[in-house]
């Protein structure tokens, strides 16, 4: 897991470095002078960045702002769920559906008090995921209350999953809106620079040229921040949210297979096939783990 995080972090950093090197390196190679940009950068950045942050705070509630700050870190850390988390979830679900199939009364103690459950306690990554625990316990409780129509349960879980996924995408949407507005804010900063230049129209051409160049830095900065920094971060946050969404979808897949009277091992295999490929355990490894759980239970 640590090596995976390091790999994702390194790729993100390399991407940022390549972007800056190619943009500003190409500018310098073409004969551009960095002094004009550097001289105007602090003021343009204050206007464009400050306006973007202010608009972001105006457009979003405190929860979305906090979530966005947290989710930005994921651009460097990658998905919250890794291969071990998927394996733990599958093994936990296997024990639960197997117990429910053999002894429906026994399962009640596990879903009513998950923190004291001998099954959930084996899988702390599942137990510490509040949404996963709520999803598992709520629907196992519902199944135990004879709500056992697979289509009905599937519709209910799917609706809850979609609502949860929609909420996790708030930060990505908020950042995308910021990205869409940055080029326009760059134009605002550029216009202000032109206004400043027109107030010094009596200056020599060399001075006016530098002032106009400084004004155009605003347009450049707005477009650059939008398409090279903020928009890619928004896209990556959405991709990570989509990937993590698949983790919770496995719970639905196992429960629907269980309600269709599949054997516990088949329920888990049905879900395993829908694990994202980069995190999917192979059939043999998972079978060995499930066999070990059976042997311990025996």
C-alpha atoms as a PDB file:
ATOM      1  CA  UNK A   1       0.000   0.000   0.000  1.00  0.00           C
ATOM      2  CA  UNK A   2       2.815   2.423   0.905  1.00  0.00           C
ATOM      3  CA  UNK A   3       4.572   1.713  -2.397  1.00  0.00           C
ATOM      4  CA  UNK A   4       1.304   2.323  -4.284  1.00  0.00           C
ATOM      5  CA  UNK A   5       0.808   5.702  -2.572  1.00  0.00           C
ATOM      6  CA  UNK A   6       4.407   6.672  -3.298  1.00  0.00           C
ATOM      7  CA  UNK A   7       3.948   5.682  -6.939  1.00  0.00           C
ATOM      8  CA  UNK A   8       0.779   7.763  -7.328  1.00  0.00           C
ATOM      9  CA  UNK A   9       2.377  10.730  -5.549  1.00  0.00           C
ATOM     10  CA  UNK A  10       5.435  10.551  -7.779  1.00  0.00           C
ATOM     11  CA  UNK A  11       3.339  10.425 -10.968  1.00  0.00           C
ATOM     12  CA  UNK A  12       1.368  13.488  -9.852  1.00  0.00           C
ATOM     13  CA  UNK A  13       4.527  15.436  -9.029  1.00  0.00           C
ATOM     14  CA  UNK A  14       6.143  14.430 -12.320  1.00  0.00           C
ATOM     15  CA  UNK A  15       3.028  15.591 -14.168  1.00  0.00           C
ATOM     16  CA  UNK A  16       3.193  19.029 -12.528  1.00  0.00           C
ATOM     17  CA  UNK A  17       6.924  19.335 -13.174  1.00  0.00           C
ATOM     18  CA  UNK A  18       6.528  18.403 -16.858  1.00  0.00           C
ATOM     19  CA  UNK A  19       3.740  20.964 -17.261  1.00  0.00           C
ATOM     20  CA  UNK A  20       5.808  23.823 -15.829  1.00  0.00           C
ATOM     21  CA  UNK A  21       9.014  22.835 -17.598  1.00  0.00           C
ATOM     22  CA  UNK A  22       7.406  22.496 -21.016  1.00  0.00           C
ATOM     23  CA  UNK A  23       5.349  25.708 -20.772  1.00  0.00           C
ATOM     24  CA  UNK A  24       7.980  28.015 -19.344  1.00  0.00           C
ATOM     25  CA  UNK A  25      10.883  26.167 -20.966  1.00  0.00           C
ATOM     26  CA  UNK A  26       9.245  26.572 -24.361  1.00  0.00           C
ATOM     27  CA  UNK A  27       8.639  30.260 -23.632  1.00  0.00           C
ATOM     28  CA  UNK A  28      12.295  30.811 -22.728  1.00  0.00           C
ATOM     29  CA  UNK A  29      13.499  28.771 -25.687  1.00  0.00           C
ATOM     30  CA  UNK A  30      11.474  31.010 -27.980  1.00  0.00           C
ATOM     31  CA  UNK A  31      13.282  34.047 -26.591  1.00  0.00           C
ATOM     32  CA  UNK A  32      10.779  35.105 -23.940  1.00  0.00           C
ATOM     33  CA  UNK A  33      11.859  36.995 -20.846  1.00  0.00           C
ATOM     34  CA  UNK A  34      10.769  35.728 -17.447  1.00  0.00           C
ATOM     35  CA  UNK A  35      11.313  39.102 -15.756  1.00  0.00           C
ATOM     36  CA  UNK A  36       8.073  40.523 -17.171  1.00  0.00           C
ATOM     37  CA  UNK A  37       6.101  37.523 -15.875  1.00  0.00           C
ATOM     38  CA  UNK A  38       7.826  37.420 -12.490  1.00  0.00           C
ATOM     39  CA  UNK A  39       7.315  41.145 -11.917  1.00  0.00           C
ATOM     40  CA  UNK A  40       3.577  40.948 -12.604  1.00  0.00           C
ATOM     41  CA  UNK A  41       2.961  37.487 -11.157  1.00  0.00           C
ATOM     42  CA  UNK A  42       2.392  38.397  -7.470  1.00  0.00           C
ATOM     43  CA  UNK A  43      -0.212  41.065  -8.305  1.00  0.00           C
ATOM     44  CA  UNK A  44      -1.980  39.029 -10.986  1.00  0.00           C
ATOM     45  CA  UNK A  45      -1.963  35.963  -8.755  1.00  0.00           C
ATOM     46  CA  UNK A  46      -3.451  37.976  -5.893  1.00  0.00           C
ATOM     47  CA  UNK A  47      -6.275  39.260  -8.105  1.00  0.00           C
ATOM     48  CA  UNK A  48      -7.049  36.023  -9.943  1.00  0.00           C
ATOM     49  CA  UNK A  49      -6.373  33.593  -7.082  1.00  0.00           C
ATOM     50  CA  UNK A  50      -8.104  35.786  -4.520  1.00  0.00           C
ATOM     51  CA  UNK A  51     -11.184  36.245  -6.704  1.00  0.00           C
ATOM     52  CA  UNK A  52     -11.301  32.503  -7.457  1.00  0.00           C
ATOM     53  CA  UNK A  53     -11.103  31.581  -3.771  1.00  0.00           C
ATOM     54  CA  UNK A  54     -13.690  34.200  -2.871  1.00  0.00           C
ATOM     55  CA  UNK A  55     -16.083  32.940  -5.558  1.00  0.00           C
ATOM     56  CA  UNK A  56     -15.465  29.368  -4.415  1.00  0.00           C
ATOM     57  CA  UNK A  57     -16.424  30.263  -0.838  1.00  0.00           C
ATOM     58  CA  UNK A  58     -19.461  32.189  -2.069  1.00  0.00           C
ATOM     59  CA  UNK A  59     -20.712  29.304  -4.218  1.00  0.00           C
ATOM     60  CA  UNK A  60     -20.289  26.465  -1.694  1.00  0.00           C
ATOM     61  CA  UNK A  61     -21.299  25.627   1.850  1.00  0.00           C
ATOM     62  CA  UNK A  62     -18.800  24.933   4.632  1.00  0.00           C
ATOM     63  CA  UNK A  63     -19.116  21.149   4.273  1.00  0.00           C
ATOM     64  CA  UNK A  64     -18.215  21.254   0.560  1.00  0.00           C
ATOM     65  CA  UNK A  65     -15.299  23.600   1.250  1.00  0.00           C
ATOM     66  CA  UNK A  66     -13.881  21.260   3.920  1.00  0.00           C
ATOM     67  CA  UNK A  67     -14.466  18.210   1.722  1.00  0.00           C
ATOM     68  CA  UNK A  68     -12.716  19.912  -1.196  1.00  0.00           C
ATOM     69  CA  UNK A  69      -9.665  20.716   0.915  1.00  0.00           C
ATOM     70  CA  UNK A  70      -9.518  17.098   2.042  1.00  0.00           C
ATOM     71  CA  UNK A  71     -10.137  15.644  -1.419  1.00  0.00           C
ATOM     72  CA  UNK A  72      -7.361  17.716  -3.000  1.00  0.00           C
ATOM     73  CA  UNK A  73      -4.902  15.569  -1.070  1.00  0.00           C
ATOM     74  CA  UNK A  74      -6.273  12.524  -2.899  1.00  0.00           C
ATOM     75  CA  UNK A  75      -4.848  13.900  -6.143  1.00  0.00           C
ATOM     76  CA  UNK A  76      -1.464  12.920  -4.726  1.00  0.00           C
ATOM     77  CA  UNK A  77      -2.494   9.936  -2.577  1.00  0.00           C
ATOM     78  CA  UNK A  78      -4.796   8.202  -5.062  1.00  0.00           C
ATOM     79  CA  UNK A  79      -7.915   6.114  -4.247  1.00  0.00           C
ATOM     80  CA  UNK A  80      -8.739   5.629  -0.576  1.00  0.00           C
ATOM     81  CA  UNK A  81      -9.421   1.940  -1.182  1.00  0.00           C
ATOM     82  CA  UNK A  82      -6.585  -0.393  -2.134  1.00  0.00           C
ATOM     83  CA  UNK A  83      -6.384  -4.089  -2.962  1.00  0.00           C
ATOM     84  CA  UNK A  84      -6.254  -5.239   0.669  1.00  0.00           C
ATOM     85  CA  UNK A  85      -9.439  -3.290   1.414  1.00  0.00           C
ATOM     86  CA  UNK A  86     -11.303  -5.117  -1.343  1.00  0.00           C
ATOM     87  CA  UNK A  87     -10.038  -8.480  -0.131  1.00  0.00           C
ATOM     88  CA  UNK A  88     -11.049  -7.683   3.457  1.00  0.00           C
ATOM     89  CA  UNK A  89     -14.516  -6.612   2.342  1.00  0.00           C
ATOM     90  CA  UNK A  90     -15.041  -9.788   0.302  1.00  0.00           C
ATOM     91  CA  UNK A  91     -13.885 -11.997   3.169  1.00  0.00           C
ATOM     92  CA  UNK A  92     -16.077 -10.117   5.651  1.00  0.00           C
ATOM     93  CA  UNK A  93     -19.125 -10.446   3.396  1.00  0.00           C
ATOM     94  CA  UNK A  94     -18.394 -14.130   2.908  1.00  0.00           C
ATOM     95  CA  UNK A  95     -18.452 -14.746   6.652  1.00  0.00           C
ATOM     96  CA  UNK A  96     -21.640 -12.721   7.045  1.00  0.00           C
ATOM     97  CA  UNK A  97     -23.668 -14.397   4.287  1.00  0.00           C
ATOM     98  CA  UNK A  98     -22.383 -17.820   5.319  1.00  0.00           C
ATOM     99  CA  UNK A  99     -23.467 -17.177   8.900  1.00  0.00           C
ATOM    100  CA  UNK A 100     -26.826 -15.811   7.739  1.00  0.00           C
ATOM    101  CA  UNK A 101     -27.390 -18.893   5.587  1.00  0.00           C
ATOM    102  CA  UNK A 102     -26.518 -21.363   8.376  1.00  0.00           C
ATOM    103  CA  UNK A 103     -27.946 -19.507  11.383  1.00  0.00           C
ATOM    104  CA  UNK A 104     -30.177 -16.486  10.661  1.00  0.00           C
ATOM    105  CA  UNK A 105     -30.611 -15.780  14.384  1.00  0.00           C
ATOM    106  CA  UNK A 106     -26.862 -15.624  15.013  1.00  0.00           C
ATOM    107  CA  UNK A 107     -26.354 -12.892  12.417  1.00  0.00           C
ATOM    108  CA  UNK A 108     -28.519 -10.468  14.379  1.00  0.00           C
ATOM    109  CA  UNK A 109     -25.901  -9.949  17.077  1.00  0.00           C
ATOM    110  CA  UNK A 110     -23.325  -9.034  14.428  1.00  0.00           C
ATOM    111  CA  UNK A 111     -25.434  -6.463  12.600  1.00  0.00           C
ATOM    112  CA  UNK A 112     -26.991  -4.917  15.709  1.00  0.00           C
ATOM    113  CA  UNK A 113     -23.644  -4.373  17.450  1.00  0.00           C
ATOM    114  CA  UNK A 114     -20.951  -4.372  14.746  1.00  0.00           C
ATOM    115  CA  UNK A 115     -18.331  -2.912  17.087  1.00  0.00           C
ATOM    116  CA  UNK A 116     -18.656  -6.007  19.271  1.00  0.00           C
ATOM    117  CA  UNK A 117     -18.951  -8.463  16.377  1.00  0.00           C
ATOM    118  CA  UNK A 118     -16.360 -11.246  16.168  1.00  0.00           C
ATOM    119  CA  UNK A 119     -16.675 -11.068  12.367  1.00  0.00           C
ATOM    120  CA  UNK A 120     -16.321  -7.314  11.851  1.00  0.00           C
ATOM    121  CA  UNK A 121     -13.498  -7.108  14.383  1.00  0.00           C
ATOM    122  CA  UNK A 122     -11.333  -9.216  12.039  1.00  0.00           C
ATOM    123  CA  UNK A 123     -11.621  -6.535   9.360  1.00  0.00           C
ATOM    124  CA  UNK A 124     -10.870  -3.104  10.893  1.00  0.00           C
ATOM    125  CA  UNK A 125     -10.765  -1.365   7.499  1.00  0.00           C
ATOM    126  CA  UNK A 126     -14.385  -2.403   6.952  1.00  0.00           C
ATOM    127  CA  UNK A 127     -15.418  -1.678  10.533  1.00  0.00           C
ATOM    128  CA  UNK A 128     -13.914   1.827  10.389  1.00  0.00           C
ATOM    129  CA  UNK A 129     -15.765   2.648   7.175  1.00  0.00           C
ATOM    130  CA  UNK A 130     -19.013   4.057   8.551  1.00  0.00           C
ATOM    131  CA  UNK A 131     -20.866   4.059   5.243  1.00  0.00           C
ATOM    132  CA  UNK A 132     -19.904   0.445   4.469  1.00  0.00           C
ATOM    133  CA  UNK A 133     -20.950  -0.723   7.939  1.00  0.00           C
ATOM    134  CA  UNK A 134     -24.272   1.134   7.736  1.00  0.00           C
ATOM    135  CA  UNK A 135     -24.930  -0.300   4.281  1.00  0.00           C
ATOM    136  CA  UNK A 136     -24.130  -3.869   5.312  1.00  0.00           C
ATOM    137  CA  UNK A 137     -26.042  -3.817   8.602  1.00  0.00           C
ATOM    138  CA  UNK A 138     -29.103  -1.960   7.281  1.00  0.00           C
ATOM    139  CA  UNK A 139     -29.675  -4.282   4.363  1.00  0.00           C
ATOM    140  CA  UNK A 140     -28.853  -7.482   6.230  1.00  0.00           C
ATOM    141  CA  UNK A 141     -31.383  -6.352   8.820  1.00  0.00           C
ATOM    142  CA  UNK A 142     -33.896  -5.687   6.055  1.00  0.00           C
ATOM    143  CA  UNK A 143     -33.269  -9.109   4.498  1.00  0.00           C
ATOM    144  CA  UNK A 144     -33.775 -10.662   7.919  1.00  0.00           C
ATOM    145  CA  UNK A 145     -37.169  -8.942   8.080  1.00  0.00           C
ATOM    146  CA  UNK A 146     -38.262 -10.960   5.026  1.00  0.00           C
ATOM    147  CA  UNK A 147     -37.684  -8.156   2.523  1.00  0.00           C
ATOM    148  CA  UNK A 148     -36.116 -10.693   0.201  1.00  0.00           C
ATOM    149  CA  UNK A 149     -37.123  -9.579  -3.300  1.00  0.00           C
ATOM    150  CA  UNK A 150     -33.757  -9.241  -5.145  1.00  0.00           C
ATOM    151  CA  UNK A 151     -35.070  -6.514  -7.470  1.00  0.00           C
ATOM    152  CA  UNK A 152     -36.516  -4.489  -4.619  1.00  0.00           C
ATOM    153  CA  UNK A 153     -33.311  -4.687  -2.572  1.00  0.00           C
ATOM    154  CA  UNK A 154     -31.188  -3.905  -5.634  1.00  0.00           C
ATOM    155  CA  UNK A 155     -33.230  -0.761  -6.362  1.00  0.00           C
ATOM    156  CA  UNK A 156     -32.976   0.399  -2.751  1.00  0.00           C
ATOM    157  CA  UNK A 157     -29.217  -0.151  -2.490  1.00  0.00           C
ATOM    158  CA  UNK A 158     -28.587   1.347  -5.910  1.00  0.00           C
ATOM    159  CA  UNK A 159     -30.520   4.475  -4.928  1.00  0.00           C
ATOM    160  CA  UNK A 160     -28.512   4.854  -1.712  1.00  0.00           C
ATOM    161  CA  UNK A 161     -25.230   4.247  -3.515  1.00  0.00           C
ATOM    162  CA  UNK A 162     -26.040   6.852  -6.142  1.00  0.00           C
ATOM    163  CA  UNK A 163     -26.934   9.407  -3.497  1.00  0.00           C
ATOM    164  CA  UNK A 164     -23.682   8.738  -1.613  1.00  0.00           C
ATOM    165  CA  UNK A 165     -21.673   8.922  -4.845  1.00  0.00           C
ATOM    166  CA  UNK A 166     -23.356  12.199  -5.763  1.00  0.00           C
ATOM    167  CA  UNK A 167     -22.312  13.667  -2.409  1.00  0.00           C
ATOM    168  CA  UNK A 168     -18.697  12.549  -2.820  1.00  0.00           C
ATOM    169  CA  UNK A 169     -18.577  14.318  -6.200  1.00  0.00           C
ATOM    170  CA  UNK A 170     -19.500  17.731  -4.714  1.00  0.00           C
ATOM    171  CA  UNK A 171     -15.850  18.729  -4.281  1.00  0.00           C
ATOM    172  CA  UNK A 172     -14.971  17.701  -7.836  1.00  0.00           C
ATOM    173  CA  UNK A 173     -17.899  19.704  -9.225  1.00  0.00           C
ATOM    174  CA  UNK A 174     -16.970  22.712  -7.106  1.00  0.00           C
ATOM    175  CA  UNK A 175     -13.392  22.631  -8.364  1.00  0.00           C
ATOM    176  CA  UNK A 176     -14.582  22.263 -11.964  1.00  0.00           C
ATOM    177  CA  UNK A 177     -16.727  25.379 -11.586  1.00  0.00           C
ATOM    178  CA  UNK A 178     -13.657  27.221 -10.293  1.00  0.00           C
ATOM    179  CA  UNK A 179     -11.698  25.968 -13.298  1.00  0.00           C
ATOM    180  CA  UNK A 180     -14.383  27.219 -15.679  1.00  0.00           C
ATOM    181  CA  UNK A 181     -14.246  30.678 -14.118  1.00  0.00           C
ATOM    182  CA  UNK A 182     -10.478  31.157 -13.987  1.00  0.00           C
ATOM    183  CA  UNK A 183     -10.002  32.194 -17.664  1.00  0.00           C
ATOM    184  CA  UNK A 184     -12.650  34.911 -17.223  1.00  0.00           C
ATOM    185  CA  UNK A 185     -10.964  36.105 -14.032  1.00  0.00           C
ATOM    186  CA  UNK A 186      -7.715  36.223 -15.997  1.00  0.00           C
ATOM    187  CA  UNK A 187      -9.393  38.527 -18.500  1.00  0.00           C
ATOM    188  CA  UNK A 188     -10.615  40.731 -15.630  1.00  0.00           C
ATOM    189  CA  UNK A 189      -7.049  41.045 -14.352  1.00  0.00           C
ATOM    190  CA  UNK A 190      -5.809  41.761 -17.889  1.00  0.00           C
ATOM    191  CA  UNK A 191      -8.425  44.475 -18.403  1.00  0.00           C
ATOM    192  CA  UNK A 192      -7.374  46.122 -15.159  1.00  0.00           C
ATOM    193  CA  UNK A 193      -3.794  46.021 -16.422  1.00  0.00           C
ATOM    194  CA  UNK A 194      -4.851  47.672 -19.679  1.00  0.00           C
ATOM    195  CA  UNK A 195      -6.717  50.363 -17.713  1.00  0.00           C
ATOM    196  CA  UNK A 196      -3.537  50.988 -15.746  1.00  0.00           C
ATOM    197  CA  UNK A 197      -1.560  51.166 -18.996  1.00  0.00           C
ATOM    198  CA  UNK A 198      -3.991  53.659 -20.554  1.00  0.00           C
ATOM    199  CA  UNK A 199      -3.443  55.883 -17.556  1.00  0.00           C
ATOM    200  CA  UNK A 200       0.239  56.016 -18.516  1.00  0.00           C
ATOM    201  CA  UNK A 201      -0.267  56.544 -22.243  1.00  0.00           C
ATOM    202  CA  UNK A 202       2.214  59.441 -22.201  1.00  0.00           C
ATOM    203  CA  UNK A 203       5.070  57.053 -21.350  1.00  0.00           C
ATOM    204  CA  UNK A 204       7.634  55.894 -23.956  1.00  0.00           C
ATOM    205  CA  UNK A 205       6.815  52.789 -26.069  1.00  0.00           C
ATOM    206  CA  UNK A 206       9.354  50.669 -24.174  1.00  0.00           C
ATOM    207  CA  UNK A 207       7.582  51.371 -20.889  1.00  0.00           C
ATOM    208  CA  UNK A 208       4.122  50.855 -22.382  1.00  0.00           C
ATOM    209  CA  UNK A 209       5.262  47.561 -23.899  1.00  0.00           C
ATOM    210  CA  UNK A 210       6.268  46.216 -20.502  1.00  0.00           C
ATOM    211  CA  UNK A 211       2.998  47.387 -18.965  1.00  0.00           C
ATOM    212  CA  UNK A 212       0.939  45.726 -21.699  1.00  0.00           C
ATOM    213  CA  UNK A 213       3.009  42.549 -21.332  1.00  0.00           C
ATOM    214  CA  UNK A 214       2.361  42.591 -17.601  1.00  0.00           C
ATOM    215  CA  UNK A 215      -1.367  42.999 -18.225  1.00  0.00           C
ATOM    216  CA  UNK A 216      -1.408  39.993 -20.537  1.00  0.00           C
ATOM    217  CA  UNK A 217       0.125  37.898 -17.766  1.00  0.00           C
ATOM    218  CA  UNK A 218      -3.353  37.933 -16.204  1.00  0.00           C
ATOM    219  CA  UNK A 219      -4.914  36.271 -19.247  1.00  0.00           C
ATOM    220  CA  UNK A 220      -2.108  33.720 -19.382  1.00  0.00           C
ATOM    221  CA  UNK A 221      -2.325  32.945 -15.677  1.00  0.00           C
ATOM    222  CA  UNK A 222      -6.101  32.461 -15.711  1.00  0.00           C
ATOM    223  CA  UNK A 223      -5.967  30.041 -18.646  1.00  0.00           C
ATOM    224  CA  UNK A 224      -2.885  28.225 -17.321  1.00  0.00           C
ATOM    225  CA  UNK A 225      -4.302  27.689 -13.836  1.00  0.00           C
ATOM    226  CA  UNK A 226      -7.619  26.548 -15.279  1.00  0.00           C
ATOM    227  CA  UNK A 227      -6.505  23.998 -17.838  1.00  0.00           C
ATOM    228  CA  UNK A 228      -3.131  22.905 -16.475  1.00  0.00           C
ATOM    229  CA  UNK A 229      -3.784  22.766 -12.723  1.00  0.00           C
ATOM    230  CA  UNK A 230      -7.363  23.055 -11.461  1.00  0.00           C
ATOM    231  CA  UNK A 231      -9.227  21.137 -14.207  1.00  0.00           C
ATOM    232  CA  UNK A 232      -6.859  18.116 -14.044  1.00  0.00           C
ATOM    233  CA  UNK A 233      -7.236  18.060 -10.249  1.00  0.00           C
ATOM    234  CA  UNK A 234     -11.015  18.106 -10.605  1.00  0.00           C
ATOM    235  CA  UNK A 235     -10.886  15.252 -13.123  1.00  0.00           C
ATOM    236  CA  UNK A 236      -8.621  13.196 -10.884  1.00  0.00           C
ATOM    237  CA  UNK A 237     -10.844  13.760  -7.844  1.00  0.00           C
ATOM    238  CA  UNK A 238     -13.815  12.532  -9.873  1.00  0.00           C
ATOM    239  CA  UNK A 239     -11.885   9.472 -11.091  1.00  0.00           C
ATOM    240  CA  UNK A 240     -10.907   8.610  -7.508  1.00  0.00           C
ATOM    241  CA  UNK A 241     -14.509   9.027  -6.304  1.00  0.00           C
ATOM    242  CA  UNK A 242     -15.691   6.770  -9.136  1.00  0.00           C
ATOM    243  CA  UNK A 243     -13.098   4.138  -8.214  1.00  0.00           C
ATOM    244  CA  UNK A 244     -13.992   4.202  -4.520  1.00  0.00           C
ATOM    245  CA  UNK A 245     -17.675   3.933  -5.455  1.00  0.00           C
ATOM    246  CA  UNK A 246     -16.961   0.449  -6.825  1.00  0.00           C
ATOM    247  CA  UNK A 247     -15.949  -0.654  -3.323  1.00  0.00           C
ATOM    248  CA  UNK A 248     -19.463  -0.098  -1.989  1.00  0.00           C
ATOM    249  CA  UNK A 249     -21.070  -1.571  -5.096  1.00  0.00           C
ATOM    250  CA  UNK A 250     -19.555  -4.939  -4.122  1.00  0.00           C
ATOM    251  CA  UNK A 251     -21.870  -5.027  -1.095  1.00  0.00           C
ATOM    252  CA  UNK A 252     -24.866  -4.757  -3.383  1.00  0.00           C
ATOM    253  CA  UNK A 253     -23.518  -7.460  -5.699  1.00  0.00           C
ATOM    254  CA  UNK A 254     -23.022  -9.932  -2.833  1.00  0.00           C
ATOM    255  CA  UNK A 255     -26.461  -9.303  -1.329  1.00  0.00           C
ATOM    256  CA  UNK A 256     -28.252  -9.689  -4.667  1.00  0.00           C
ATOM    257  CA  UNK A 257     -26.426 -12.958  -5.344  1.00  0.00           C
ATOM    258  CA  UNK A 258     -27.313 -14.109  -1.803  1.00  0.00           C
ATOM    259  CA  UNK A 259     -31.000 -13.319  -2.337  1.00  0.00           C
ATOM    260  CA  UNK A 260     -30.877 -15.279  -5.586  1.00  0.00           C
ATOM    261  CA  UNK A 261     -29.952 -18.318  -3.459  1.00  0.00           C
ATOM    262  CA  UNK A 262     -26.354 -18.592  -4.617  1.00  0.00           C
ATOM    263  CA  UNK A 263     -23.874 -20.356  -2.362  1.00  0.00           C
ATOM    264  CA  UNK A 264     -21.699 -17.985  -0.256  1.00  0.00           C
ATOM    265  CA  UNK A 265     -18.576 -18.797  -2.286  1.00  0.00           C
ATOM    266  CA  UNK A 266     -20.437 -18.059  -5.517  1.00  0.00           C
ATOM    267  CA  UNK A 267     -21.738 -14.784  -4.082  1.00  0.00           C
ATOM    268  CA  UNK A 268     -18.182 -13.638  -3.421  1.00  0.00           C
ATOM    269  CA  UNK A 269     -16.940 -14.806  -6.813  1.00  0.00           C
ATOM    270  CA  UNK A 270     -19.742 -12.837  -8.475  1.00  0.00           C
ATOM    271  CA  UNK A 271     -18.563  -9.715  -6.671  1.00  0.00           C
ATOM    272  CA  UNK A 272     -14.849 -10.416  -7.259  1.00  0.00           C
ATOM    273  CA  UNK A 273     -15.347 -10.118 -11.008  1.00  0.00           C
ATOM    274  CA  UNK A 274     -16.556  -6.544 -10.507  1.00  0.00           C
ATOM    275  CA  UNK A 275     -13.589  -5.353  -8.483  1.00  0.00           C
ATOM    276  CA  UNK A 276     -11.567  -2.766 -10.484  1.00  0.00           C
ATOM    277  CA  UNK A 277      -8.917  -4.671 -12.412  1.00  0.00           C
ATOM    278  CA  UNK A 278      -5.956  -2.965 -10.736  1.00  0.00           C
ATOM    279  CA  UNK A 279      -7.246  -4.104  -7.305  1.00  0.00           C
ATOM    280  CA  UNK A 280      -8.868  -7.414  -8.238  1.00  0.00           C
ATOM    281  CA  UNK A 281      -7.527 -10.489  -6.406  1.00  0.00           C
ATOM    282  CA  UNK A 282      -7.171 -13.526  -8.632  1.00  0.00           C
ATOM    283  CA  UNK A 283      -9.528 -16.459  -8.256  1.00  0.00           C
ATOM    284  CA  UNK A 284      -6.969 -18.822  -6.707  1.00  0.00           C
ATOM    285  CA  UNK A 285      -5.749 -16.417  -4.020  1.00  0.00           C
ATOM    286  CA  UNK A 286      -9.253 -15.497  -2.951  1.00  0.00           C
ATOM    287  CA  UNK A 287     -10.374 -19.125  -2.975  1.00  0.00           C
ATOM    288  CA  UNK A 288      -7.497 -20.017  -0.661  1.00  0.00           C
ATOM    289  CA  UNK A 289      -8.441 -17.218   1.725  1.00  0.00           C
ATOM    290  CA  UNK A 290     -12.091 -18.272   1.782  1.00  0.00           C
ATOM    291  CA  UNK A 291     -11.042 -21.898   2.296  1.00  0.00           C
ATOM    292  CA  UNK A 292      -8.991 -20.770   5.282  1.00  0.00           C
ATOM    293  CA  UNK A 293     -12.040 -19.029   6.733  1.00  0.00           C
ATOM    294  CA  UNK A 294     -14.092 -22.202   6.266  1.00  0.00           C
ATOM    295  CA  UNK A 295     -11.451 -24.287   7.995  1.00  0.00           C
ATOM    296  CA  UNK A 296     -11.345 -21.905  10.974  1.00  0.00           C
ATOM    297  CA  UNK A 297     -15.113 -21.966  11.230  1.00  0.00           C
ATOM    298  CA  UNK A 298     -15.067 -25.765  11.201  1.00  0.00           C
END
